[in-house]
């Protein structure tokens, strides 16, 4: 991968991270400001369900931000774009679709097949 391609992925990861952080900040602001008392039990239950779903979404995004940070570290260390299992380059097409990928498509498929076999036991 050349310097221009690495820079493209670095910028893509940073923009993605910033978008996630902006969404997170707005959610926190809404959740903090939305502490109204809802007398109807069904409405209150619905609101609690919505809050729980939003918090689960934010937790997944927090984990995604961690993976983005890890990818940015790999860029800084010169390891980005290489499969952590085989050491082979990860295709640019795969990285463009999933910039946080740590394995080549083939290695990922092998990993998922092994996971499925062990899960089915």
PDB file of N, CA and C in Angstrom:
ATOM      1  N   UNK A   1       0.851  -1.163   0.000  1.00  0.00           N
ATOM      2  CA  UNK A   1       0.000   0.000   0.000  1.00  0.00           C
ATOM      3  C   UNK A   1       0.903   1.234   0.000  1.00  0.00           C
ATOM      4  N   UNK A   2       0.592   2.179  -0.869  1.00  0.00           N
ATOM      5  CA  UNK A   2       1.430   3.372  -0.928  1.00  0.00           C
ATOM      6  C   UNK A   2       0.982   4.425   0.106  1.00  0.00           C
ATOM      7  N   UNK A   3       1.782   5.481   0.243  1.00  0.00           N
ATOM      8  CA  UNK A   3       1.512   6.506   1.255  1.00  0.00           C
ATOM      9  C   UNK A   3       0.154   7.173   1.059  1.00  0.00           C
ATOM     10  N   UNK A   4      -0.220   7.397  -0.192  1.00  0.00           N
ATOM     11  CA  UNK A   4      -1.497   8.050  -0.484  1.00  0.00           C
ATOM     12  C   UNK A   4      -2.673   7.173  -0.024  1.00  0.00           C
ATOM     13  N   UNK A   5      -2.560   5.881  -0.227  1.00  0.00           N
ATOM     14  CA  UNK A   5      -3.618   4.959   0.194  1.00  0.00           C
ATOM     15  C   UNK A   5      -3.701   4.894   1.718  1.00  0.00           C
ATOM     16  N   UNK A   6      -2.558   4.851   2.372  1.00  0.00           N
ATOM     17  CA  UNK A   6      -2.533   4.827   3.839  1.00  0.00           C
ATOM     18  C   UNK A   6      -3.183   6.105   4.380  1.00  0.00           C
ATOM     19  N   UNK A   7      -2.864   7.235   3.794  1.00  0.00           N
ATOM     20  CA  UNK A   7      -3.446   8.507   4.231  1.00  0.00           C
ATOM     21  C   UNK A   7      -4.957   8.516   4.012  1.00  0.00           C
ATOM     22  N   UNK A   8      -5.407   7.940   2.914  1.00  0.00           N
ATOM     23  CA  UNK A   8      -6.850   7.838   2.634  1.00  0.00           C
ATOM     24  C   UNK A   8      -7.540   7.080   3.770  1.00  0.00           C
ATOM     25  N   UNK A   9      -6.977   5.946   4.156  1.00  0.00           N
ATOM     26  CA  UNK A   9      -7.588   5.145   5.218  1.00  0.00           C
ATOM     27  C   UNK A   9      -7.483   5.833   6.573  1.00  0.00           C
ATOM     28  N   UNK A  10      -6.388   6.507   6.812  1.00  0.00           N
ATOM     29  CA  UNK A  10      -6.239   7.248   8.073  1.00  0.00           C
ATOM     30  C   UNK A  10      -7.335   8.303   8.194  1.00  0.00           C
ATOM     31  N   UNK A  11      -7.535   9.066   7.130  1.00  0.00           N
ATOM     32  CA  UNK A  11      -8.581  10.111   7.151  1.00  0.00           C
ATOM     33  C   UNK A  11      -9.978   9.511   7.270  1.00  0.00           C
ATOM     34  N   UNK A  12     -10.200   8.392   6.577  1.00  0.00           N
ATOM     35  CA  UNK A  12     -11.496   7.721   6.639  1.00  0.00           C
ATOM     36  C   UNK A  12     -11.785   7.257   8.067  1.00  0.00           C
ATOM     37  N   UNK A  13     -10.796   6.678   8.722  1.00  0.00           N
ATOM     38  CA  UNK A  13     -10.955   6.206  10.098  1.00  0.00           C
ATOM     39  C   UNK A  13     -11.195   7.368  11.059  1.00  0.00           C
ATOM     40  N   UNK A  14     -10.453   8.438  10.895  1.00  0.00           N
ATOM     41  CA  UNK A  14     -10.617   9.603  11.778  1.00  0.00           C
ATOM     42  C   UNK A  14     -12.013  10.208  11.607  1.00  0.00           C
ATOM     43  N   UNK A  15     -12.478  10.340  10.375  1.00  0.00           N
ATOM     44  CA  UNK A  15     -13.815  10.896  10.126  1.00  0.00           C
ATOM     45  C   UNK A  15     -14.892   9.995  10.728  1.00  0.00           C
ATOM     46  N   UNK A  16     -14.727   8.689  10.571  1.00  0.00           N
ATOM     47  CA  UNK A  16     -15.692   7.738  11.124  1.00  0.00           C
ATOM     48  C   UNK A  16     -15.737   7.855  12.638  1.00  0.00           C
ATOM     49  N   UNK A  17     -14.559   7.951  13.240  1.00  0.00           N
ATOM     50  CA  UNK A  17     -14.463   8.084  14.695  1.00  0.00           C
ATOM     51  C   UNK A  17     -15.147   9.366  15.175  1.00  0.00           C
ATOM     52  N   UNK A  18     -14.894  10.466  14.484  1.00  0.00           N
ATOM     53  CA  UNK A  18     -15.510  11.746  14.860  1.00  0.00           C
ATOM     54  C   UNK A  18     -17.035  11.696  14.743  1.00  0.00           C
ATOM     55  N   UNK A  19     -17.538  11.050  13.688  1.00  0.00           N
ATOM     56  CA  UNK A  19     -18.992  10.900  13.532  1.00  0.00           C
ATOM     57  C   UNK A  19     -19.587  10.130  14.711  1.00  0.00           C
ATOM     58  N   UNK A  20     -18.928   9.041  15.090  1.00  0.00           N
ATOM     59  CA  UNK A  20     -19.415   8.244  16.210  1.00  0.00           C
ATOM     60  C   UNK A  20     -19.377   9.032  17.519  1.00  0.00           C
ATOM     61  N   UNK A  21     -18.315   9.789  17.730  1.00  0.00           N
ATOM     62  CA  UNK A  21     -18.207  10.588  18.952  1.00  0.00           C
ATOM     63  C   UNK A  21     -19.268  11.688  18.985  1.00  0.00           C
ATOM     64  N   UNK A  22     -19.545  12.315  17.839  1.00  0.00           N
ATOM     65  CA  UNK A  22     -20.591  13.340  17.771  1.00  0.00           C
ATOM     66  C   UNK A  22     -21.958  12.744  18.115  1.00  0.00           C
ATOM     67  N   UNK A  23     -22.248  11.567  17.547  1.00  0.00           N
ATOM     68  CA  UNK A  23     -23.515  10.893  17.854  1.00  0.00           C
ATOM     69  C   UNK A  23     -23.607  10.566  19.335  1.00  0.00           C
ATOM     70  N   UNK A  24     -22.514  10.108  19.893  1.00  0.00           N
ATOM     71  CA  UNK A  24     -22.490   9.743  21.301  1.00  0.00           C
ATOM     72  C   UNK A  24     -22.745  10.965  22.183  1.00  0.00           C
ATOM     73  N   UNK A  25     -22.103  12.073  21.850  1.00  0.00           N
ATOM     74  CA  UNK A  25     -22.294  13.300  22.630  1.00  0.00           C
ATOM     75  C   UNK A  25     -23.749  13.756  22.574  1.00  0.00           C
ATOM     76  N   UNK A  26     -24.361  13.675  21.404  1.00  0.00           N
ATOM     77  CA  UNK A  26     -25.750  14.117  21.287  1.00  0.00           C
ATOM     78  C   UNK A  26     -26.681  13.181  22.060  1.00  0.00           C
ATOM     79  N   UNK A  27     -26.383  11.892  22.053  1.00  0.00           N
ATOM     80  CA  UNK A  27     -27.201  10.945  22.807  1.00  0.00           C
ATOM     81  C   UNK A  27     -27.104  11.216  24.300  1.00  0.00           C
ATOM     82  N   UNK A  28     -25.906  11.440  24.785  1.00  0.00           N
ATOM     83  CA  UNK A  28     -25.722  11.728  26.210  1.00  0.00           C
ATOM     84  C   UNK A  28     -26.498  12.981  26.588  1.00  0.00           C
ATOM     85  N   UNK A  29     -26.452  14.002  25.748  1.00  0.00           N
ATOM     86  CA  UNK A  29     -27.176  15.246  26.025  1.00  0.00           C
ATOM     87  C   UNK A  29     -28.685  14.986  26.079  1.00  0.00           C
ATOM     88  N   UNK A  30     -29.182  14.196  25.158  1.00  0.00           N
ATOM     89  CA  UNK A  30     -30.621  13.889  25.134  1.00  0.00           C
ATOM     90  C   UNK A  30     -31.013  13.077  26.359  1.00  0.00           C
ATOM     91  N   UNK A  31     -30.215  12.056  26.687  1.00  0.00           N
ATOM     92  CA  UNK A  31     -30.546  11.209  27.832  1.00  0.00           C
ATOM     93  C   UNK A  31     -30.479  11.994  29.146  1.00  0.00           C
ATOM     94  N   UNK A  32     -29.534  12.914  29.264  1.00  0.00           N
ATOM     95  CA  UNK A  32     -29.427  13.708  30.484  1.00  0.00           C
ATOM     96  C   UNK A  32     -30.565  14.715  30.597  1.00  0.00           C
ATOM     97  N   UNK A  33     -30.965  15.275  29.479  1.00  0.00           N
ATOM     98  CA  UNK A  33     -32.022  16.287  29.501  1.00  0.00           C
ATOM     99  C   UNK A  33     -33.415  15.705  29.500  1.00  0.00           C
ATOM    100  N   UNK A  34     -33.554  14.422  29.280  1.00  0.00           N
ATOM    101  CA  UNK A  34     -34.861  13.794  29.125  1.00  0.00           C
ATOM    102  C   UNK A  34     -35.196  12.953  30.347  1.00  0.00           C
ATOM    103  N   UNK A  35     -35.341  13.616  31.494  1.00  0.00           N
ATOM    104  CA  UNK A  35     -35.646  12.903  32.735  1.00  0.00           C
ATOM    105  C   UNK A  35     -37.059  13.247  33.205  1.00  0.00           C
ATOM    106  N   UNK A  36     -37.982  13.297  32.292  1.00  0.00           N
ATOM    107  CA  UNK A  36     -39.361  13.660  32.640  1.00  0.00           C
ATOM    108  C   UNK A  36     -40.076  12.480  33.296  1.00  0.00           C
ATOM    109  N   UNK A  37     -41.091  12.805  34.052  1.00  0.00           N
ATOM    110  CA  UNK A  37     -41.896  11.794  34.719  1.00  0.00           C
ATOM    111  C   UNK A  37     -43.093  11.474  33.822  1.00  0.00           C
ATOM    112  N   UNK A  38     -43.197  10.232  33.387  1.00  0.00           N
ATOM    113  CA  UNK A  38     -44.279   9.831  32.500  1.00  0.00           C
ATOM    114  C   UNK A  38     -45.266   9.005  33.325  1.00  0.00           C
ATOM    115  N   UNK A  39     -46.490   9.525  33.517  1.00  0.00           N
ATOM    116  CA  UNK A  39     -47.449   8.828  34.379  1.00  0.00           C
ATOM    117  C   UNK A  39     -47.986   7.520  33.788  1.00  0.00           C
ATOM    118  N   UNK A  40     -48.160   7.453  32.490  1.00  0.00           N
ATOM    119  CA  UNK A  40     -48.718   6.246  31.873  1.00  0.00           C
ATOM    120  C   UNK A  40     -47.684   5.121  31.884  1.00  0.00           C
ATOM    121  N   UNK A  41     -48.064   3.978  32.428  1.00  0.00           N
ATOM    122  CA  UNK A  41     -47.155   2.851  32.586  1.00  0.00           C
ATOM    123  C   UNK A  41     -46.649   2.346  31.237  1.00  0.00           C
ATOM    124  N   UNK A  42     -47.536   2.231  30.256  1.00  0.00           N
ATOM    125  CA  UNK A  42     -47.142   1.732  28.930  1.00  0.00           C
ATOM    126  C   UNK A  42     -46.167   2.699  28.257  1.00  0.00           C
ATOM    127  N   UNK A  43     -46.447   3.991  28.367  1.00  0.00           N
ATOM    128  CA  UNK A  43     -45.544   4.986  27.779  1.00  0.00           C
ATOM    129  C   UNK A  43     -44.190   4.969  28.473  1.00  0.00           C
ATOM    130  N   UNK A  44     -44.199   4.815  29.789  1.00  0.00           N
ATOM    131  CA  UNK A  44     -42.950   4.776  30.546  1.00  0.00           C
ATOM    132  C   UNK A  44     -42.135   3.537  30.146  1.00  0.00           C
ATOM    133  N   UNK A  45     -42.807   2.405  30.005  1.00  0.00           N
ATOM    134  CA  UNK A  45     -42.121   1.168  29.600  1.00  0.00           C
ATOM    135  C   UNK A  45     -41.530   1.322  28.194  1.00  0.00           C
ATOM    136  N   UNK A  46     -42.277   1.940  27.323  1.00  0.00           N
ATOM    137  CA  UNK A  46     -41.790   2.171  25.960  1.00  0.00           C
ATOM    138  C   UNK A  46     -40.555   3.073  25.966  1.00  0.00           C
ATOM    139  N   UNK A  47     -40.611   4.112  26.767  1.00  0.00           N
ATOM    140  CA  UNK A  47     -39.470   5.028  26.877  1.00  0.00           C
ATOM    141  C   UNK A  47     -38.242   4.319  27.454  1.00  0.00           C
ATOM    142  N   UNK A  48     -38.452   3.484  28.465  1.00  0.00           N
ATOM    143  CA  UNK A  48     -37.337   2.728  29.051  1.00  0.00           C
ATOM    144  C   UNK A  48     -36.732   1.757  28.038  1.00  0.00           C
ATOM    145  N   UNK A  49     -37.576   1.137  27.231  1.00  0.00           N
ATOM    146  CA  UNK A  49     -37.093   0.234  26.182  1.00  0.00           C
ATOM    147  C   UNK A  49     -36.261   1.010  25.166  1.00  0.00           C
ATOM    148  N   UNK A  50     -36.743   2.177  24.778  1.00  0.00           N
ATOM    149  CA  UNK A  50     -35.994   3.019  23.839  1.00  0.00           C
ATOM    150  C   UNK A  50     -34.644   3.421  24.418  1.00  0.00           C
ATOM    151  N   UNK A  51     -34.620   3.783  25.691  1.00  0.00           N
ATOM    152  CA  UNK A  51     -33.363   4.172  26.348  1.00  0.00           C
ATOM    153  C   UNK A  51     -32.387   2.991  26.390  1.00  0.00           C
ATOM    154  N   UNK A  52     -32.899   1.812  26.730  1.00  0.00           N
ATOM    155  CA  UNK A  52     -32.044   0.627  26.807  1.00  0.00           C
ATOM    156  C   UNK A  52     -31.459   0.313  25.433  1.00  0.00           C
ATOM    157  N   UNK A  53     -32.276   0.411  24.404  1.00  0.00           N
ATOM    158  CA  UNK A  53     -31.795   0.170  23.040  1.00  0.00           C
ATOM    159  C   UNK A  53     -30.726   1.194  22.658  1.00  0.00           C
ATOM    160  N   UNK A  54     -30.952   2.440  23.003  1.00  0.00           N
ATOM    161  CA  UNK A  54     -29.984   3.493  22.700  1.00  0.00           C
ATOM    162  C   UNK A  54     -28.672   3.243  23.437  1.00  0.00           C
ATOM    163  N   UNK A  55     -28.750   2.824  24.673  1.00  0.00           N
ATOM    164  CA  UNK A  55     -27.531   2.551  25.439  1.00  0.00           C
ATOM    165  C   UNK A  55     -26.769   1.360  24.866  1.00  0.00           C
ATOM    166  N   UNK A  56     -27.478   0.326  24.409  1.00  0.00           N
ATOM    167  CA  UNK A  56     -26.805  -0.822  23.776  1.00  0.00           C
ATOM    168  C   UNK A  56     -26.120  -0.389  22.484  1.00  0.00           C
ATOM    169  N   UNK A  57     -26.799   0.465  21.730  1.00  0.00           N
ATOM    170  CA  UNK A  57     -26.208   0.989  20.490  1.00  0.00           C
ATOM    171  C   UNK A  57     -24.940   1.770  20.802  1.00  0.00           C
ATOM    172  N   UNK A  58     -24.989   2.607  21.818  1.00  0.00           N
ATOM    173  CA  UNK A  58     -23.809   3.390  22.208  1.00  0.00           C
ATOM    174  C   UNK A  58     -22.682   2.478  22.676  1.00  0.00           C
ATOM    175  N   UNK A  59     -23.006   1.396  23.357  1.00  0.00           N
ATOM    176  CA  UNK A  59     -21.972   0.462  23.802  1.00  0.00           C
ATOM    177  C   UNK A  59     -21.289  -0.188  22.600  1.00  0.00           C
ATOM    178  N   UNK A  60     -22.074  -0.585  21.595  1.00  0.00           N
ATOM    179  CA  UNK A  60     -21.483  -1.148  20.373  1.00  0.00           C
ATOM    180  C   UNK A  60     -20.599  -0.110  19.687  1.00  0.00           C
ATOM    181  N   UNK A  61     -21.048   1.145  19.687  1.00  0.00           N
ATOM    182  CA  UNK A  61     -20.241   2.187  19.059  1.00  0.00           C
ATOM    183  C   UNK A  61     -18.963   2.449  19.845  1.00  0.00           C
ATOM    184  N   UNK A  62     -19.025   2.327  21.160  1.00  0.00           N
ATOM    185  CA  UNK A  62     -17.817   2.488  21.980  1.00  0.00           C
ATOM    186  C   UNK A  62     -16.786   1.420  21.610  1.00  0.00           C
ATOM    187  N   UNK A  63     -17.264   0.185  21.425  1.00  0.00           N
ATOM    188  CA  UNK A  63     -16.368  -0.893  21.015  1.00  0.00           C
ATOM    189  C   UNK A  63     -15.814  -0.643  19.619  1.00  0.00           C
ATOM    190  N   UNK A  64     -16.644  -0.092  18.737  1.00  0.00           N
ATOM    191  CA  UNK A  64     -16.204   0.230  17.384  1.00  0.00           C
ATOM    192  C   UNK A  64     -15.132   1.319  17.413  1.00  0.00           C
ATOM    193  N   UNK A  65     -15.306   2.312  18.263  1.00  0.00           N
ATOM    194  CA  UNK A  65     -14.302   3.371  18.403  1.00  0.00           C
ATOM    195  C   UNK A  65     -12.974   2.774  18.857  1.00  0.00           C
ATOM    196  N   UNK A  66     -13.030   1.804  19.742  1.00  0.00           N
ATOM    197  CA  UNK A  66     -11.812   1.131  20.192  1.00  0.00           C
ATOM    198  C   UNK A  66     -11.115   0.427  19.023  1.00  0.00           C
ATOM    199  N   UNK A  67     -11.899  -0.204  18.149  1.00  0.00           N
ATOM    200  CA  UNK A  67     -11.324  -0.871  16.977  1.00  0.00           C
ATOM    201  C   UNK A  67     -10.747   0.153  15.996  1.00  0.00           C
ATOM    202  N   UNK A  68     -11.401   1.295  15.875  1.00  0.00           N
ATOM    203  CA  UNK A  68     -10.881   2.360  15.010  1.00  0.00           C
ATOM    204  C   UNK A  68      -9.557   2.866  15.565  1.00  0.00           C
ATOM    205  N   UNK A  69      -9.492   3.079  16.880  1.00  0.00           N
ATOM    206  CA  UNK A  69      -8.246   3.525  17.510  1.00  0.00           C
ATOM    207  C   UNK A  69      -7.130   2.512  17.278  1.00  0.00           C
ATOM    208  N   UNK A  70      -7.470   1.229  17.352  1.00  0.00           N
ATOM    209  CA  UNK A  70      -6.495   0.175  17.110  1.00  0.00           C
ATOM    210  C   UNK A  70      -5.992   0.226  15.660  1.00  0.00           C
ATOM    211  N   UNK A  71      -6.903   0.453  14.722  1.00  0.00           N
ATOM    212  CA  UNK A  71      -6.505   0.566  13.309  1.00  0.00           C
ATOM    213  C   UNK A  71      -5.599   1.780  13.100  1.00  0.00           C
ATOM    214  N   UNK A  72      -5.905   2.888  13.757  1.00  0.00           N
ATOM    215  CA  UNK A  72      -5.060   4.084  13.642  1.00  0.00           C
ATOM    216  C   UNK A  72      -3.672   3.825  14.231  1.00  0.00           C
ATOM    217  N   UNK A  73      -3.604   3.051  15.317  1.00  0.00           N
ATOM    218  CA  UNK A  73      -2.302   2.675  15.893  1.00  0.00           C
ATOM    219  C   UNK A  73      -1.512   1.823  14.902  1.00  0.00           C
ATOM    220  N   UNK A  74      -2.202   0.882  14.242  1.00  0.00           N
ATOM    221  CA  UNK A  74      -1.525   0.034  13.256  1.00  0.00           C
ATOM    222  C   UNK A  74      -0.991   0.877  12.102  1.00  0.00           C
ATOM    223  N   UNK A  75      -1.715   1.927  11.724  1.00  0.00           N
ATOM    224  CA  UNK A  75      -1.218   2.823  10.682  1.00  0.00           C
ATOM    225  C   UNK A  75       0.073   3.475  11.147  1.00  0.00           C
ATOM    226  N   UNK A  76       0.070   4.001  12.368  1.00  0.00           N
ATOM    227  CA  UNK A  76       1.260   4.664  12.916  1.00  0.00           C
ATOM    228  C   UNK A  76       2.449   3.705  13.011  1.00  0.00           C
ATOM    229  N   UNK A  77       2.166   2.447  13.298  1.00  0.00           N
ATOM    230  CA  UNK A  77       3.234   1.456  13.458  1.00  0.00           C
ATOM    231  C   UNK A  77       3.616   0.786  12.141  1.00  0.00           C
ATOM    232  N   UNK A  78       2.937   1.147  11.056  1.00  0.00           N
ATOM    233  CA  UNK A  78       3.253   0.568   9.758  1.00  0.00           C
ATOM    234  C   UNK A  78       2.732  -0.842   9.553  1.00  0.00           C
ATOM    235  N   UNK A  79       1.780  -1.259  10.386  1.00  0.00           N
ATOM    236  CA  UNK A  79       1.237  -2.615  10.302  1.00  0.00           C
ATOM    237  C   UNK A  79      -0.148  -2.669   9.667  1.00  0.00           C
ATOM    238  N   UNK A  80      -0.708  -1.514   9.351  1.00  0.00           N
ATOM    239  CA  UNK A  80      -2.068  -1.458   8.819  1.00  0.00           C
ATOM    240  C   UNK A  80      -2.129  -2.086   7.424  1.00  0.00           C
ATOM    241  N   UNK A  81      -3.194  -2.845   7.193  1.00  0.00           N
ATOM    242  CA  UNK A  81      -3.395  -3.429   5.875  1.00  0.00           C
ATOM    243  C   UNK A  81      -2.800  -4.810   5.714  1.00  0.00           C
ATOM    244  N   UNK A  82      -2.266  -5.359   6.801  1.00  0.00           N
ATOM    245  CA  UNK A  82      -1.697  -6.698   6.760  1.00  0.00           C
ATOM    246  C   UNK A  82      -2.480  -7.608   7.701  1.00  0.00           C
ATOM    247  N   UNK A  83      -2.744  -8.831   7.253  1.00  0.00           N
ATOM    248  CA  UNK A  83      -3.500  -9.812   8.023  1.00  0.00           C
ATOM    249  C   UNK A  83      -2.731 -10.190   9.281  1.00  0.00           C
ATOM    250  N   UNK A  84      -3.422 -10.139  10.420  1.00  0.00           N
ATOM    251  CA  UNK A  84      -2.756 -10.490  11.681  1.00  0.00           C
ATOM    252  C   UNK A  84      -2.500 -11.994  11.802  1.00  0.00           C
ATOM    253  N   UNK A  85      -3.166 -12.805  10.998  1.00  0.00           N
ATOM    254  CA  UNK A  85      -2.974 -14.256  11.047  1.00  0.00           C
ATOM    255  C   UNK A  85      -1.903 -14.733  10.069  1.00  0.00           C
ATOM    256  N   UNK A  86      -1.946 -14.208   8.843  1.00  0.00           N
ATOM    257  CA  UNK A  86      -1.052 -14.711   7.796  1.00  0.00           C
ATOM    258  C   UNK A  86       0.080 -13.753   7.438  1.00  0.00           C
ATOM    259  N   UNK A  87      -0.096 -12.476   7.762  1.00  0.00           N
ATOM    260  CA  UNK A  87       0.895 -11.479   7.379  1.00  0.00           C
ATOM    261  C   UNK A  87       0.735 -11.004   5.942  1.00  0.00           C
ATOM    262  N   UNK A  88      -0.216 -11.593   5.214  1.00  0.00           N
ATOM    263  CA  UNK A  88      -0.467 -11.186   3.831  1.00  0.00           C
ATOM    264  C   UNK A  88      -1.204  -9.854   3.796  1.00  0.00           C
ATOM    265  N   UNK A  89      -1.052  -9.104   2.697  1.00  0.00           N
ATOM    266  CA  UNK A  89      -1.806  -7.851   2.580  1.00  0.00           C
ATOM    267  C   UNK A  89      -3.312  -8.110   2.526  1.00  0.00           C
ATOM    268  N   UNK A  90      -4.071  -7.238   3.161  1.00  0.00           N
ATOM    269  CA  UNK A  90      -5.535  -7.264   3.076  1.00  0.00           C
ATOM    270  C   UNK A  90      -5.905  -6.447   1.844  1.00  0.00           C
ATOM    271  N   UNK A  91      -6.838  -6.940   1.053  1.00  0.00           N
ATOM    272  CA  UNK A  91      -7.177  -6.246  -0.195  1.00  0.00           C
ATOM    273  C   UNK A  91      -7.719  -4.840   0.090  1.00  0.00           C
ATOM    274  N   UNK A  92      -7.410  -3.921  -0.814  1.00  0.00           N
ATOM    275  CA  UNK A  92      -7.889  -2.543  -0.668  1.00  0.00           C
ATOM    276  C   UNK A  92      -9.409  -2.495  -0.694  1.00  0.00           C
ATOM    277  N   UNK A  93     -10.012  -3.371  -1.486  1.00  0.00           N
ATOM    278  CA  UNK A  93     -11.469  -3.421  -1.564  1.00  0.00           C
ATOM    279  C   UNK A  93     -12.056  -3.779  -0.195  1.00  0.00           C
ATOM    280  N   UNK A  94     -11.463  -4.758   0.479  1.00  0.00           N
ATOM    281  CA  UNK A  94     -11.932  -5.148   1.820  1.00  0.00           C
ATOM    282  C   UNK A  94     -11.715  -4.020   2.817  1.00  0.00           C
ATOM    283  N   UNK A  95     -10.551  -3.394   2.769  1.00  0.00           N
ATOM    284  CA  UNK A  95     -10.273  -2.296   3.701  1.00  0.00           C
ATOM    285  C   UNK A  95     -11.202  -1.109   3.461  1.00  0.00           C
ATOM    286  N   UNK A  96     -11.546  -0.874   2.205  1.00  0.00           N
ATOM    287  CA  UNK A  96     -12.459   0.232   1.911  1.00  0.00           C
ATOM    288  C   UNK A  96     -13.843  -0.058   2.486  1.00  0.00           C
ATOM    289  N   UNK A  97     -14.264  -1.317   2.393  1.00  0.00           N
ATOM    290  CA  UNK A  97     -15.566  -1.709   2.931  1.00  0.00           C
ATOM    291  C   UNK A  97     -15.542  -1.788   4.461  1.00  0.00           C
ATOM    292  N   UNK A  98     -14.424  -2.232   5.012  1.00  0.00           N
ATOM    293  CA  UNK A  98     -14.285  -2.401   6.464  1.00  0.00           C
ATOM    294  C   UNK A  98     -12.881  -1.974   6.891  1.00  0.00           C
ATOM    295  N   UNK A  99     -12.686  -0.670   7.069  1.00  0.00           N
ATOM    296  CA  UNK A  99     -11.334  -0.156   7.357  1.00  0.00           C
ATOM    297  C   UNK A  99     -10.713  -0.662   8.655  1.00  0.00           C
ATOM    298  N   UNK A 100     -11.515  -1.280   9.529  1.00  0.00           N
ATOM    299  CA  UNK A 100     -10.971  -1.801  10.781  1.00  0.00           C
ATOM    300  C   UNK A 100     -10.587  -3.275  10.664  1.00  0.00           C
ATOM    301  N   UNK A 101     -10.685  -3.834   9.459  1.00  0.00           N
ATOM    302  CA  UNK A 101     -10.372  -5.256   9.263  1.00  0.00           C
ATOM    303  C   UNK A 101      -8.948  -5.559   9.698  1.00  0.00           C
ATOM    304  N   UNK A 102      -8.797  -6.700  10.376  1.00  0.00           N
ATOM    305  CA  UNK A 102      -7.469  -7.124  10.822  1.00  0.00           C
ATOM    306  C   UNK A 102      -7.030  -8.408  10.141  1.00  0.00           C
ATOM    307  N   UNK A 103      -7.953  -9.004   9.368  1.00  0.00           N
ATOM    308  CA  UNK A 103      -7.633 -10.250   8.678  1.00  0.00           C
ATOM    309  C   UNK A 103      -8.037 -10.155   7.211  1.00  0.00           C
ATOM    310  N   UNK A 104      -7.302 -10.876   6.389  1.00  0.00           N
ATOM    311  CA  UNK A 104      -7.686 -10.975   4.984  1.00  0.00           C
ATOM    312  C   UNK A 104      -9.026 -11.706   4.917  1.00  0.00           C
ATOM    313  N   UNK A 105      -9.697 -11.580   3.803  1.00  0.00           N
ATOM    314  CA  UNK A 105     -10.997 -12.223   3.645  1.00  0.00           C
ATOM    315  C   UNK A 105     -10.900 -13.733   3.866  1.00  0.00           C
ATOM    316  N   UNK A 106      -9.861 -14.337   3.300  1.00  0.00           N
ATOM    317  CA  UNK A 106      -9.692 -15.788   3.425  1.00  0.00           C
ATOM    318  C   UNK A 106      -9.471 -16.187   4.891  1.00  0.00           C
ATOM    319  N   UNK A 107      -8.628 -15.459   5.589  1.00  0.00           N
ATOM    320  CA  UNK A 107      -8.360 -15.764   7.000  1.00  0.00           C
ATOM    321  C   UNK A 107      -9.620 -15.542   7.844  1.00  0.00           C
ATOM    322  N   UNK A 108     -10.380 -14.503   7.530  1.00  0.00           N
ATOM    323  CA  UNK A 108     -11.625 -14.224   8.259  1.00  0.00           C
ATOM    324  C   UNK A 108     -12.632 -15.357   8.052  1.00  0.00           C
ATOM    325  N   UNK A 109     -12.736 -15.828   6.814  1.00  0.00           N
ATOM    326  CA  UNK A 109     -13.662 -16.927   6.527  1.00  0.00           C
ATOM    327  C   UNK A 109     -13.253 -18.200   7.271  1.00  0.00           C
ATOM    328  N   UNK A 110     -11.949 -18.500   7.296  1.00  0.00           N
ATOM    329  CA  UNK A 110     -11.465 -19.667   8.044  1.00  0.00           C
ATOM    330  C   UNK A 110     -11.790 -19.525   9.528  1.00  0.00           C
ATOM    331  N   UNK A 111     -11.568 -18.335  10.053  1.00  0.00           N
ATOM    332  CA  UNK A 111     -11.842 -18.053  11.459  1.00  0.00           C
ATOM    333  C   UNK A 111     -13.328 -18.263  11.769  1.00  0.00           C
ATOM    334  N   UNK A 112     -14.204 -17.770  10.906  1.00  0.00           N
ATOM    335  CA  UNK A 112     -15.641 -17.901  11.134  1.00  0.00           C
ATOM    336  C   UNK A 112     -16.095 -19.353  11.018  1.00  0.00           C
ATOM    337  N   UNK A 113     -15.496 -20.114  10.093  1.00  0.00           N
ATOM    338  CA  UNK A 113     -15.844 -21.537   9.970  1.00  0.00           C
ATOM    339  C   UNK A 113     -15.446 -22.289  11.239  1.00  0.00           C
ATOM    340  N   UNK A 114     -14.244 -22.021  11.747  1.00  0.00           N
ATOM    341  CA  UNK A 114     -13.792 -22.671  12.993  1.00  0.00           C
ATOM    342  C   UNK A 114     -14.702 -22.293  14.157  1.00  0.00           C
ATOM    343  N   UNK A 115     -15.074 -21.020  14.210  1.00  0.00           N
ATOM    344  CA  UNK A 115     -15.959 -20.541  15.275  1.00  0.00           C
ATOM    345  C   UNK A 115     -17.298 -21.268  15.206  1.00  0.00           C
ATOM    346  N   UNK A 116     -17.823 -21.441  14.010  1.00  0.00           N
ATOM    347  CA  UNK A 116     -19.122 -22.108  13.828  1.00  0.00           C
ATOM    348  C   UNK A 116     -19.014 -23.582  14.241  1.00  0.00           C
ATOM    349  N   UNK A 117     -17.946 -24.248  13.887  1.00  0.00           N
ATOM    350  CA  UNK A 117     -17.761 -25.648  14.246  1.00  0.00           C
ATOM    351  C   UNK A 117     -17.726 -25.794  15.769  1.00  0.00           C
ATOM    352  N   UNK A 118     -16.988 -24.934  16.442  1.00  0.00           N
ATOM    353  CA  UNK A 118     -16.873 -25.012  17.898  1.00  0.00           C
ATOM    354  C   UNK A 118     -18.168 -24.629  18.593  1.00  0.00           C
ATOM    355  N   UNK A 119     -18.908 -23.736  17.998  1.00  0.00           N
ATOM    356  CA  UNK A 119     -20.180 -23.296  18.574  1.00  0.00           C
ATOM    357  C   UNK A 119     -21.232 -24.401  18.443  1.00  0.00           C
ATOM    358  N   UNK A 120     -21.154 -25.207  17.367  1.00  0.00           N
ATOM    359  CA  UNK A 120     -22.131 -26.265  17.121  1.00  0.00           C
ATOM    360  C   UNK A 120     -21.893 -27.508  17.960  1.00  0.00           C
ATOM    361  N   UNK A 121     -20.755 -27.587  18.637  1.00  0.00           N
ATOM    362  CA  UNK A 121     -20.444 -28.778  19.450  1.00  0.00           C
ATOM    363  C   UNK A 121     -21.363 -28.906  20.630  1.00  0.00           C
TER     364      UNK A 121
END
